[in-house]
């Protein structure tokens, strides 16, 4: 075999290997971080919140709320959002606690899309 033919074959082999590596690298092997935000609340914890509890008691059971409206300090919003690459729709939960004079006045569980 001539040196020229050997160099051409080596170049072709390297080019094919590089192309194969690029195709494999650009495939779906990319890791994407799951996006999780907010307060994850378990049903047993949410069920413990009752009318008449103080703000301190609610904070002890559920933790610090995700959103405290600066204009309406008597409303605490607990929001949870989870999105992974394999989910068609994200998981969303929303729980609202209303206070009057520092005690729970009412509780809302607005309907959110189920994930």
C-alpha atoms as a PDB file:
ATOM      1  CA  UNK A   1       0.000   0.000   0.000  1.00  0.00           C
ATOM      2  CA  UNK A   2       1.269   3.419  -0.858  1.00  0.00           C
ATOM      3  CA  UNK A   3       1.779   6.070   1.846  1.00  0.00           C
ATOM      4  CA  UNK A   4      -0.710   8.349   0.089  1.00  0.00           C
ATOM      5  CA  UNK A   5      -3.484   5.718   0.207  1.00  0.00           C
ATOM      6  CA  UNK A   6      -2.729   4.992   3.845  1.00  0.00           C
ATOM      7  CA  UNK A   7      -3.019   8.684   4.718  1.00  0.00           C
ATOM      8  CA  UNK A   8      -6.336   8.984   2.846  1.00  0.00           C
ATOM      9  CA  UNK A   9      -7.757   5.966   4.684  1.00  0.00           C
ATOM     10  CA  UNK A  10      -6.576   7.331   8.020  1.00  0.00           C
ATOM     11  CA  UNK A  11      -8.125  10.719   7.240  1.00  0.00           C
ATOM     12  CA  UNK A  12     -11.411   9.067   6.189  1.00  0.00           C
ATOM     13  CA  UNK A  13     -11.479   6.917   9.316  1.00  0.00           C
ATOM     14  CA  UNK A  14     -10.788   9.913  11.573  1.00  0.00           C
ATOM     15  CA  UNK A  15     -13.453  11.987   9.811  1.00  0.00           C
ATOM     16  CA  UNK A  16     -16.034   9.224  10.214  1.00  0.00           C
ATOM     17  CA  UNK A  17     -15.132   8.798  13.893  1.00  0.00           C
ATOM     18  CA  UNK A  18     -15.424  12.524  14.498  1.00  0.00           C
ATOM     19  CA  UNK A  19     -18.789  12.678  12.731  1.00  0.00           C
ATOM     20  CA  UNK A  20     -20.057   9.724  14.764  1.00  0.00           C
ATOM     21  CA  UNK A  21     -18.890  11.345  18.014  1.00  0.00           C
ATOM     22  CA  UNK A  22     -20.646  14.609  17.090  1.00  0.00           C
ATOM     23  CA  UNK A  23     -23.891  12.809  16.277  1.00  0.00           C
ATOM     24  CA  UNK A  24     -23.843  10.877  19.535  1.00  0.00           C
ATOM     25  CA  UNK A  25     -22.946  13.995  21.508  1.00  0.00           C
ATOM     26  CA  UNK A  26     -25.829  15.992  20.068  1.00  0.00           C
ATOM     27  CA  UNK A  27     -28.419  13.262  20.683  1.00  0.00           C
ATOM     28  CA  UNK A  28     -30.846  13.156  23.595  1.00  0.00           C
ATOM     29  CA  UNK A  29     -28.064  12.308  26.045  1.00  0.00           C
ATOM     30  CA  UNK A  30     -28.150  15.839  27.445  1.00  0.00           C
ATOM     31  CA  UNK A  31     -29.105  16.052  31.119  1.00  0.00           C
ATOM     32  CA  UNK A  32     -31.691  18.661  31.989  1.00  0.00           C
ATOM     33  CA  UNK A  33     -32.231  19.701  35.585  1.00  0.00           C
ATOM     34  CA  UNK A  34     -35.760  19.238  36.963  1.00  0.00           C
ATOM     35  CA  UNK A  35     -37.275  22.575  37.930  1.00  0.00           C
ATOM     36  CA  UNK A  36     -38.802  22.514  41.395  1.00  0.00           C
ATOM     37  CA  UNK A  37     -39.996  25.692  43.066  1.00  0.00           C
ATOM     38  CA  UNK A  38     -42.075  26.593  46.068  1.00  0.00           C
ATOM     39  CA  UNK A  39     -43.394  24.793  49.105  1.00  0.00           C
ATOM     40  CA  UNK A  40     -43.954  21.043  48.805  1.00  0.00           C
ATOM     41  CA  UNK A  41     -46.828  20.363  51.189  1.00  0.00           C
ATOM     42  CA  UNK A  42     -47.969  16.912  52.174  1.00  0.00           C
ATOM     43  CA  UNK A  43     -51.724  16.340  52.509  1.00  0.00           C
ATOM     44  CA  UNK A  44     -51.381  15.384  56.185  1.00  0.00           C
ATOM     45  CA  UNK A  45     -49.739  18.758  56.927  1.00  0.00           C
ATOM     46  CA  UNK A  46     -52.334  20.747  54.981  1.00  0.00           C
ATOM     47  CA  UNK A  47     -55.134  18.909  56.795  1.00  0.00           C
ATOM     48  CA  UNK A  48     -53.697  20.052  60.156  1.00  0.00           C
ATOM     49  CA  UNK A  49     -54.379  23.710  59.353  1.00  0.00           C
ATOM     50  CA  UNK A  50     -57.710  24.708  60.837  1.00  0.00           C
ATOM     51  CA  UNK A  51     -59.657  27.906  61.381  1.00  0.00           C
ATOM     52  CA  UNK A  52     -58.527  29.660  64.556  1.00  0.00           C
ATOM     53  CA  UNK A  53     -54.833  28.695  64.404  1.00  0.00           C
ATOM     54  CA  UNK A  54     -52.300  31.501  64.871  1.00  0.00           C
ATOM     55  CA  UNK A  55     -49.813  32.581  62.221  1.00  0.00           C
ATOM     56  CA  UNK A  56     -46.998  31.036  64.250  1.00  0.00           C
ATOM     57  CA  UNK A  57     -48.800  27.690  64.374  1.00  0.00           C
ATOM     58  CA  UNK A  58     -49.388  27.723  60.605  1.00  0.00           C
ATOM     59  CA  UNK A  59     -45.736  28.599  59.986  1.00  0.00           C
ATOM     60  CA  UNK A  60     -44.686  25.716  62.261  1.00  0.00           C
ATOM     61  CA  UNK A  61     -46.879  23.189  60.404  1.00  0.00           C
ATOM     62  CA  UNK A  62     -46.381  24.367  56.796  1.00  0.00           C
ATOM     63  CA  UNK A  63     -43.207  26.420  56.915  1.00  0.00           C
ATOM     64  CA  UNK A  64     -42.674  29.924  55.592  1.00  0.00           C
ATOM     65  CA  UNK A  65     -45.061  30.729  52.743  1.00  0.00           C
ATOM     66  CA  UNK A  66     -43.719  31.152  49.232  1.00  0.00           C
ATOM     67  CA  UNK A  67     -45.636  34.383  48.696  1.00  0.00           C
ATOM     68  CA  UNK A  68     -46.610  36.958  51.296  1.00  0.00           C
ATOM     69  CA  UNK A  69     -48.442  39.791  49.588  1.00  0.00           C
ATOM     70  CA  UNK A  70     -46.970  43.104  50.825  1.00  0.00           C
ATOM     71  CA  UNK A  71     -50.319  44.805  50.265  1.00  0.00           C
ATOM     72  CA  UNK A  72     -52.433  42.105  51.931  1.00  0.00           C
ATOM     73  CA  UNK A  73     -50.482  40.797  54.914  1.00  0.00           C
ATOM     74  CA  UNK A  74     -53.446  38.670  55.992  1.00  0.00           C
ATOM     75  CA  UNK A  75     -53.015  36.263  53.046  1.00  0.00           C
ATOM     76  CA  UNK A  76     -50.323  33.607  52.723  1.00  0.00           C
ATOM     77  CA  UNK A  77     -49.896  31.689  49.473  1.00  0.00           C
ATOM     78  CA  UNK A  78     -48.175  28.316  49.429  1.00  0.00           C
ATOM     79  CA  UNK A  79     -47.278  27.538  45.817  1.00  0.00           C
ATOM     80  CA  UNK A  80     -45.534  24.444  44.445  1.00  0.00           C
ATOM     81  CA  UNK A  81     -44.302  23.809  40.888  1.00  0.00           C
ATOM     82  CA  UNK A  82     -42.409  20.816  39.470  1.00  0.00           C
ATOM     83  CA  UNK A  83     -41.368  20.312  35.846  1.00  0.00           C
ATOM     84  CA  UNK A  84     -39.139  17.557  34.519  1.00  0.00           C
ATOM     85  CA  UNK A  85     -38.199  16.778  30.939  1.00  0.00           C
ATOM     86  CA  UNK A  86     -40.379  13.655  30.831  1.00  0.00           C
ATOM     87  CA  UNK A  87     -43.563  15.351  32.048  1.00  0.00           C
ATOM     88  CA  UNK A  88     -46.129  16.549  29.545  1.00  0.00           C
ATOM     89  CA  UNK A  89     -47.560  19.056  32.034  1.00  0.00           C
ATOM     90  CA  UNK A  90     -45.943  20.322  35.230  1.00  0.00           C
ATOM     91  CA  UNK A  91     -47.235  19.505  38.724  1.00  0.00           C
ATOM     92  CA  UNK A  92     -48.752  22.595  40.350  1.00  0.00           C
ATOM     93  CA  UNK A  93     -50.350  23.018  43.768  1.00  0.00           C
ATOM     94  CA  UNK A  94     -51.695  26.194  45.373  1.00  0.00           C
ATOM     95  CA  UNK A  95     -52.873  26.584  48.968  1.00  0.00           C
ATOM     96  CA  UNK A  96     -54.021  29.910  50.451  1.00  0.00           C
ATOM     97  CA  UNK A  97     -54.487  30.799  54.115  1.00  0.00           C
ATOM     98  CA  UNK A  98     -56.389  33.960  55.117  1.00  0.00           C
ATOM     99  CA  UNK A  99     -55.944  35.527  58.539  1.00  0.00           C
ATOM    100  CA  UNK A 100     -58.035  37.939  60.590  1.00  0.00           C
ATOM    101  CA  UNK A 101     -56.426  39.489  63.677  1.00  0.00           C
ATOM    102  CA  UNK A 102     -53.565  36.965  63.511  1.00  0.00           C
ATOM    103  CA  UNK A 103     -55.732  33.820  63.364  1.00  0.00           C
ATOM    104  CA  UNK A 104     -56.776  31.653  60.428  1.00  0.00           C
ATOM    105  CA  UNK A 105     -60.115  32.887  59.111  1.00  0.00           C
ATOM    106  CA  UNK A 106     -60.443  30.642  56.050  1.00  0.00           C
ATOM    107  CA  UNK A 107     -58.515  28.301  53.800  1.00  0.00           C
ATOM    108  CA  UNK A 108     -58.625  27.999  50.001  1.00  0.00           C
ATOM    109  CA  UNK A 109     -57.381  25.330  47.656  1.00  0.00           C
ATOM    110  CA  UNK A 110     -57.706  26.915  44.206  1.00  0.00           C
ATOM    111  CA  UNK A 111     -57.998  24.447  41.376  1.00  0.00           C
ATOM    112  CA  UNK A 112     -54.724  24.104  39.503  1.00  0.00           C
ATOM    113  CA  UNK A 113     -53.847  21.841  36.572  1.00  0.00           C
ATOM    114  CA  UNK A 114     -53.011  18.358  37.805  1.00  0.00           C
ATOM    115  CA  UNK A 115     -49.657  16.889  36.840  1.00  0.00           C
END
